[in-house]
Amino acid sequence: MEPSPVAAPALALPGKTALTEAVTDVFYGSVAGVVGKYIEYPFDTVKVRLQSQPDHLPLRYKGPLDCFRQSIQSDGVLSLYRGISAPLVGAAAETSSLFLFESLGREALFSAGLCPRDRPLSVPELWLTGAFAGAFTSFVLTPIELVKCKIQVPSPAEGRPPAPMRPLPVVRDIFRHEGLRGFWHGQLGTLIRETGGGAAWFGAKETVTSVFYGLKTRTAATRAERETIMSQPLPLWQQALAGASAGVSYNFLFFPADTIKSRMQTIPIGGLAVKRTFWNEGAALWRQHGLRGMYRGCGITCLRAAPSSAFIFMVYDGLKRNFPLR
């Protein structure tokens, strides 16, 4: 396959060291992640509440709109932002880790001699570096998402509505009941989701971007004119569409793994003598609700992922292009 014309350059850019590039990925990725989290968080809260409805009781929510309505009526609009402090840290960690590990994945391909440094990576190679980024990022994300899910879906006290929870008490409870290992409860689900989702996130964005550049360069009469077109950023609407396609691809393709993970992570702390495994939880969900249960909350998730990912890539690419760190 012809190399992708939109593939980003290698980790070590002219005038930059690998360390400088890594700092850039972490800093600008953190900024982009925080922006995206503020946009998507209410939708994420609804998604987790839909996913974590118990099997043995009638469904509390008829769908995303009903969940929004009930949540606002019972606790107000701010309840949809409950626990956002930890996810803001998580969003910064997630996005910066994805961009950092994706750059490290590129460097690994170059160092292993699998890809020459003098040409851009092809689109399939970018899917591979995306999977690399997702796999390593999953180990950063699982503890953060565990705390987030327990705050978003607090366990009701006997005869009383659930009390709001804060990150530090949740962290203490997890450590007291399950030790350090307990923070990675649901890791397999996160690993599956992030490895496949990371490949889809970077891969879909670069694929759509490559298509747009391919359409633009059809009119180029000379090689110099083509290179001039390739050196210019796409129009904002095309950047947004490429980023939005990344968010939808990431969430839709591996949503069942995320559903199982959310169910595992919303089990009350110390509530089960034996922790259910990823496969046991998935089998139980399939028996109760089939494929539809696996994708419960997927629509609202894709709806929030499209603008969120669009903003993340636009902010990240814009910062790197206009404010390069030296």
Protein backbone atom coordinates (compact mmCIF):
# COMPACT_ATOMS: atom_id res chain seq x y z
CA MET A 1 0.00 0.00 0.00
CA GLU A 2 1.21 3.51 -0.78
CA PRO A 3 2.43 5.35 2.34
CA SER A 4 -0.13 7.61 3.94
CA PRO A 5 0.47 11.25 2.98
CA VAL A 6 -0.85 12.40 6.33
CA ALA A 7 1.26 10.25 8.60
CA ALA A 8 2.94 12.34 11.26
CA PRO A 9 6.74 12.48 11.26
CA ALA A 10 9.00 10.34 13.36
CA LEU A 11 9.41 10.83 17.09
CA ALA A 12 12.67 12.72 16.74
CA LEU A 13 11.90 15.71 14.53
CA PRO A 14 14.50 18.09 13.06
CA GLY A 15 15.50 20.49 15.80
CA LYS A 16 13.82 18.37 18.46
CA THR A 17 15.01 15.61 20.71
CA ALA A 18 12.95 12.54 21.54
CA LEU A 19 12.55 13.92 25.07
CA THR A 20 11.18 17.22 23.78
CA GLU A 21 8.73 15.40 21.54
CA ALA A 22 7.60 13.23 24.46
CA VAL A 23 7.04 16.32 26.63
CA THR A 24 5.03 17.85 23.78
CA ASP A 25 2.84 14.76 23.52
CA VAL A 26 2.18 14.70 27.27
CA PHE A 27 1.47 18.43 27.64
CA TYR A 28 -0.65 19.02 24.56
CA GLY A 29 -2.36 15.65 24.95
CA SER A 30 -3.33 16.60 28.51
CA VAL A 31 -4.83 19.91 27.37
CA ALA A 32 -6.78 18.22 24.58
CA GLY A 33 -8.01 15.50 26.93
CA VAL A 34 -9.36 17.97 29.49
CA VAL A 35 -11.23 19.90 26.78
CA GLY A 36 -12.75 16.70 25.45
CA LYS A 37 -13.76 15.47 28.90
CA TYR A 38 -15.82 18.57 29.71
CA ILE A 39 -17.74 18.03 26.48
CA GLU A 40 -18.41 14.32 26.92
CA TYR A 41 -18.73 13.76 30.67
CA PRO A 42 -22.54 14.07 31.08
CA PHE A 43 -22.98 11.56 28.25
CA ASP A 44 -20.42 9.25 29.87
CA THR A 45 -22.34 9.34 33.17
CA VAL A 46 -25.53 8.32 31.37
CA LYS A 47 -23.65 5.58 29.51
CA VAL A 48 -22.29 4.04 32.71
CA ARG A 49 -25.71 4.17 34.41
CA LEU A 50 -27.31 2.41 31.44
CA GLN A 51 -24.56 -0.22 31.31
CA SER A 52 -24.62 -1.02 35.03
CA GLN A 53 -28.34 -1.74 35.50
CA PRO A 54 -28.68 -5.02 37.45
CA ASP A 55 -29.87 -8.18 35.72
CA HIS A 56 -32.26 -9.34 38.46
CA LEU A 57 -34.37 -6.14 38.52
CA PRO A 58 -36.55 -4.40 35.92
CA LEU A 59 -34.58 -1.85 33.92
CA ARG A 60 -34.72 1.53 35.64
CA TYR A 61 -34.03 3.54 32.47
CA LYS A 62 -35.86 3.10 29.17
CA GLY A 63 -33.00 4.67 27.26
CA PRO A 64 -30.51 7.57 27.20
CA LEU A 65 -33.13 10.35 27.18
CA ASP A 66 -35.03 8.76 30.05
CA CYS A 67 -31.78 8.42 32.01
CA PHE A 68 -31.00 12.10 31.42
CA ARG A 69 -34.51 13.04 32.55
CA GLN A 70 -34.50 10.93 35.72
CA SER A 71 -30.99 12.02 36.67
CA ILE A 72 -31.81 15.72 36.31
CA GLN A 73 -35.15 15.39 38.10
CA SER A 74 -33.69 13.52 41.09
CA ASP A 75 -30.31 15.22 41.53
CA GLY A 76 -30.13 18.21 39.18
CA VAL A 77 -27.95 18.92 36.17
CA LEU A 78 -24.76 18.97 38.24
CA SER A 79 -25.29 15.30 39.10
CA LEU A 80 -24.28 14.50 35.52
CA TYR A 81 -20.88 15.98 36.37
CA ARG A 82 -20.57 14.02 39.62
CA GLY A 83 -17.03 12.78 40.09
CA ILE A 84 -15.56 14.79 37.22
CA SER A 85 -12.39 15.70 39.15
CA ALA A 86 -10.94 12.20 38.86
CA PRO A 87 -11.95 11.82 35.18
CA LEU A 88 -10.32 15.16 34.36
CA VAL A 89 -7.08 13.74 35.67
CA GLY A 90 -7.91 10.53 33.85
CA ALA A 91 -8.65 12.34 30.58
CA ALA A 92 -5.34 14.16 30.76
CA ALA A 93 -3.56 10.88 31.56
CA GLU A 94 -5.45 8.92 28.89
CA THR A 95 -5.03 11.33 26.00
CA SER A 96 -1.42 12.21 26.78
CA SER A 97 -0.61 8.50 27.21
CA LEU A 98 -2.23 7.63 23.89
CA PHE A 99 -0.27 10.26 22.00
CA LEU A 100 2.93 9.47 23.90
CA PHE A 101 2.74 5.69 23.41
CA GLU A 102 1.69 6.14 19.79
CA SER A 103 4.87 8.15 19.21
CA LEU A 104 6.87 5.50 21.04
CA GLY A 105 5.23 2.86 18.83
CA ARG A 106 6.46 4.73 15.76
CA GLU A 107 9.93 4.92 17.23
CA ALA A 108 9.85 1.18 17.94
CA LEU A 109 9.04 0.45 14.29
CA PHE A 110 11.88 2.71 13.16
CA SER A 111 14.38 1.29 15.66
CA ALA A 112 13.51 -2.31 14.72
CA GLY A 113 14.14 -1.51 11.06
CA LEU A 114 10.55 -2.42 10.12
CA CYS A 115 9.89 1.03 8.68
CA PRO A 116 12.42 3.45 7.16
CA ARG A 117 12.62 6.88 8.78
CA ASP A 118 12.71 8.69 5.43
CA ARG A 119 9.07 8.05 4.58
CA PRO A 120 5.76 8.57 6.39
CA LEU A 121 4.09 5.56 7.96
CA SER A 122 1.38 3.87 5.94
CA VAL A 123 -2.20 3.77 7.21
CA PRO A 124 -1.95 0.06 8.26
CA GLU A 125 1.22 0.90 10.20
CA LEU A 126 -0.65 3.70 11.95
CA TRP A 127 -3.38 1.25 12.97
CA LEU A 128 -0.59 -0.89 14.47
CA THR A 129 0.96 1.99 16.43
CA GLY A 130 -2.53 2.89 17.63
CA ALA A 131 -3.00 -0.62 19.01
CA PHE A 132 0.40 -0.36 20.71
CA ALA A 133 -0.64 2.93 22.30
CA GLY A 134 -3.97 1.56 23.49
CA ALA A 135 -2.49 -1.56 25.07
CA PHE A 136 -0.05 0.38 27.25
CA THR A 137 -2.57 3.12 28.02
CA SER A 138 -5.02 0.55 29.40
CA PHE A 139 -2.81 -0.01 32.44
CA VAL A 140 -2.93 3.71 33.20
CA LEU A 141 -6.69 3.92 32.68
CA THR A 142 -8.12 0.99 34.65
CA PRO A 143 -7.60 2.44 38.17
CA ILE A 144 -8.90 5.84 37.07
CA GLU A 145 -12.00 4.39 35.43
CA LEU A 146 -12.65 2.13 38.42
CA VAL A 147 -12.88 5.16 40.73
CA LYS A 148 -14.94 7.08 38.14
CA CYS A 149 -17.49 4.29 37.70
CA LYS A 150 -18.01 3.86 41.44
CA ILE A 151 -18.65 7.60 41.80
CA GLN A 152 -21.02 7.72 38.83
CA VAL A 153 -23.07 4.74 40.07
CA PRO A 154 -22.92 4.88 43.91
CA SER A 155 -24.30 1.93 45.86
CA PRO A 156 -27.58 2.79 47.65
CA ALA A 157 -27.64 2.49 51.43
CA GLU A 158 -30.40 0.33 52.88
CA GLY A 159 -33.68 2.23 52.62
CA ARG A 160 -31.96 5.44 51.51
CA PRO A 161 -30.86 6.96 48.21
CA PRO A 162 -27.15 6.68 47.40
CA ALA A 163 -24.94 9.32 48.96
CA PRO A 164 -22.55 11.29 46.72
CA MET A 165 -19.06 9.81 46.73
CA ARG A 166 -15.69 11.50 46.43
CA PRO A 167 -12.51 10.13 44.86
CA LEU A 168 -10.30 9.85 47.96
CA PRO A 169 -12.80 7.87 50.09
CA VAL A 170 -13.38 5.53 47.14
CA VAL A 171 -9.63 5.02 46.73
CA ARG A 172 -9.30 4.25 50.45
CA ASP A 173 -12.18 1.75 50.37
CA ILE A 174 -10.76 -0.08 47.36
CA PHE A 175 -7.32 -0.34 48.94
CA ARG A 176 -8.73 -1.43 52.33
CA HIS A 177 -10.90 -4.19 50.87
CA GLU A 178 -8.86 -5.37 47.90
CA GLY A 179 -5.34 -4.00 48.22
CA LEU A 180 -3.27 -2.53 45.41
CA ARG A 181 -4.33 -5.26 42.99
CA GLY A 182 -7.95 -4.20 43.37
CA PHE A 183 -7.34 -1.01 41.41
CA TRP A 184 -6.92 -3.09 38.25
CA HIS A 185 -10.28 -4.85 38.60
CA GLY A 186 -11.66 -4.92 35.05
CA GLN A 187 -8.21 -4.64 33.42
CA LEU A 188 -8.93 -7.25 30.74
CA GLY A 189 -11.96 -5.31 29.51
CA THR A 190 -9.95 -2.09 29.40
CA LEU A 191 -7.08 -3.85 27.60
CA ILE A 192 -9.38 -5.25 24.90
CA ARG A 193 -11.21 -1.96 24.49
CA GLU A 194 -8.07 0.19 24.39
CA THR A 195 -5.95 -2.06 22.18
CA GLY A 196 -8.63 -2.41 19.53
CA GLY A 197 -10.03 1.02 20.20
CA GLY A 198 -6.62 2.70 20.02
CA ALA A 199 -6.02 1.12 16.63
CA ALA A 200 -9.44 2.31 15.47
CA TRP A 201 -9.02 5.79 17.01
CA PHE A 202 -5.74 6.66 15.33
CA GLY A 203 -6.39 4.50 12.29
CA ALA A 204 -9.83 5.91 11.45
CA LYS A 205 -8.63 9.48 11.88
CA GLU A 206 -5.63 8.93 9.62
CA THR A 207 -7.69 6.98 7.08
CA VAL A 208 -10.26 9.76 6.70
CA THR A 209 -7.53 12.40 6.65
CA SER A 210 -5.72 10.42 3.94
CA VAL A 211 -8.90 10.32 1.86
CA PHE A 212 -9.32 14.09 2.10
CA TYR A 213 -5.71 14.73 1.10
CA GLY A 214 -6.06 12.23 -1.72
CA LEU A 215 -9.02 14.17 -3.09
CA LYS A 216 -7.17 17.48 -2.81
CA THR A 217 -4.01 16.25 -4.55
CA ARG A 218 -5.91 14.94 -7.59
CA THR A 219 -5.85 18.46 -8.97
CA ALA A 220 -2.09 18.86 -8.49
CA ALA A 221 -0.30 19.15 -11.84
CA THR A 222 3.25 18.88 -10.49
CA ARG A 223 5.06 17.20 -7.61
CA ALA A 224 5.85 20.62 -6.09
CA GLU A 225 2.18 21.56 -6.15
CA ARG A 226 1.28 18.26 -4.50
CA GLU A 227 3.84 18.79 -1.75
CA THR A 228 2.48 22.30 -1.17
CA ILE A 229 -1.04 20.89 -0.71
CA MET A 230 0.25 18.20 1.64
CA SER A 231 2.06 20.77 3.79
CA GLN A 232 -1.14 22.71 4.50
CA PRO A 233 -3.61 21.67 7.21
CA LEU A 234 -7.03 20.49 6.14
CA PRO A 235 -10.03 22.82 6.53
CA LEU A 236 -11.46 22.74 10.05
CA TRP A 237 -14.60 20.87 9.02
CA GLN A 238 -12.52 18.08 7.48
CA GLN A 239 -10.30 17.91 10.58
CA ALA A 240 -13.45 17.70 12.71
CA LEU A 241 -14.94 14.96 10.55
CA ALA A 242 -11.73 12.91 10.72
CA GLY A 243 -11.60 13.28 14.51
CA ALA A 244 -15.29 12.46 14.89
CA SER A 245 -14.88 9.28 12.82
CA ALA A 246 -12.09 8.26 15.19
CA GLY A 247 -14.33 8.66 18.25
CA VAL A 248 -17.23 6.71 16.77
CA SER A 249 -14.95 3.89 15.53
CA TYR A 250 -13.18 3.62 18.88
CA ASN A 251 -16.41 3.27 20.84
CA PHE A 252 -18.62 1.22 18.53
CA LEU A 253 -16.22 -1.55 17.55
CA PHE A 254 -15.28 -2.63 21.09
CA PHE A 255 -18.27 -1.40 23.09
CA PRO A 256 -19.17 -4.85 24.54
CA ALA A 257 -15.79 -4.99 26.30
CA ASP A 258 -16.49 -1.58 27.83
CA THR A 259 -19.97 -2.68 28.96
CA ILE A 260 -18.59 -5.74 30.74
CA LYS A 261 -15.84 -3.64 32.33
CA SER A 262 -18.35 -1.07 33.62
CA ARG A 263 -20.51 -3.79 35.15
CA MET A 264 -17.50 -5.27 36.91
CA GLN A 265 -16.32 -1.90 38.20
CA THR A 266 -19.71 -0.82 39.58
CA ILE A 267 -20.07 -3.87 41.85
CA PRO A 268 -20.16 -2.53 45.44
CA ILE A 269 -16.79 -2.66 47.16
CA GLY A 270 -16.66 -5.81 49.25
CA GLY A 271 -20.09 -6.78 47.93
CA LEU A 272 -19.08 -10.11 46.44
CA ALA A 273 -17.12 -12.84 48.17
CA VAL A 274 -15.82 -14.01 44.80
CA LYS A 275 -15.12 -11.46 42.08
CA ARG A 276 -16.73 -12.22 38.76
CA THR A 277 -14.25 -12.56 35.90
CA PHE A 278 -14.52 -10.73 32.61
CA TRP A 279 -15.70 -13.87 30.82
CA ASN A 280 -18.22 -14.84 33.52
CA GLU A 281 -19.66 -11.33 33.56
CA GLY A 282 -19.92 -11.33 29.77
CA ALA A 283 -21.63 -14.73 29.73
CA ALA A 284 -24.14 -13.62 32.37
CA LEU A 285 -24.96 -10.46 30.42
CA TRP A 286 -25.39 -12.43 27.19
CA ARG A 287 -27.77 -14.91 28.82
CA GLN A 288 -29.89 -12.12 30.27
CA HIS A 289 -29.99 -9.57 27.44
CA GLY A 290 -28.08 -10.90 24.42
CA LEU A 291 -26.31 -8.63 21.95
CA ARG A 292 -28.62 -5.74 22.78
CA GLY A 293 -27.43 -5.78 26.36
CA MET A 294 -23.81 -5.68 25.21
CA TYR A 295 -24.49 -2.45 23.32
CA ARG A 296 -26.68 -0.78 25.96
CA GLY A 297 -25.68 2.88 26.02
CA CYS A 298 -23.73 2.66 22.76
CA GLY A 299 -25.80 5.29 20.97
CA ILE A 300 -25.25 7.96 23.61
CA THR A 301 -21.57 7.02 23.78
CA CYS A 302 -21.03 7.48 20.04
CA LEU A 303 -23.01 10.72 20.17
CA ARG A 304 -20.67 12.19 22.78
CA ALA A 305 -17.52 10.63 21.30
CA ALA A 306 -17.89 12.33 17.91
CA PRO A 307 -17.56 15.98 19.07
CA SER A 308 -15.18 15.05 21.89
CA SER A 309 -12.67 13.28 19.62
CA ALA A 310 -13.04 15.99 16.99
CA PHE A 311 -12.05 18.62 19.56
CA ILE A 312 -9.24 16.47 20.99
CA PHE A 313 -7.51 16.01 17.62
CA MET A 314 -8.13 19.61 16.54
CA VAL A 315 -6.75 21.01 19.80
CA TYR A 316 -3.77 18.63 19.85
CA ASP A 317 -2.83 19.07 16.19
CA GLY A 318 -3.42 22.83 16.38
CA LEU A 319 -1.21 23.25 19.45
CA LYS A 320 1.60 21.16 17.96
CA ARG A 321 1.40 23.01 14.66
CA ASN A 322 1.17 26.58 16.01
CA PHE A 323 3.04 26.34 19.33
CA PRO A 324 5.86 23.83 18.86
CA LEU A 325 7.97 23.24 21.96
CA ARG A 326 11.71 23.67 21.48
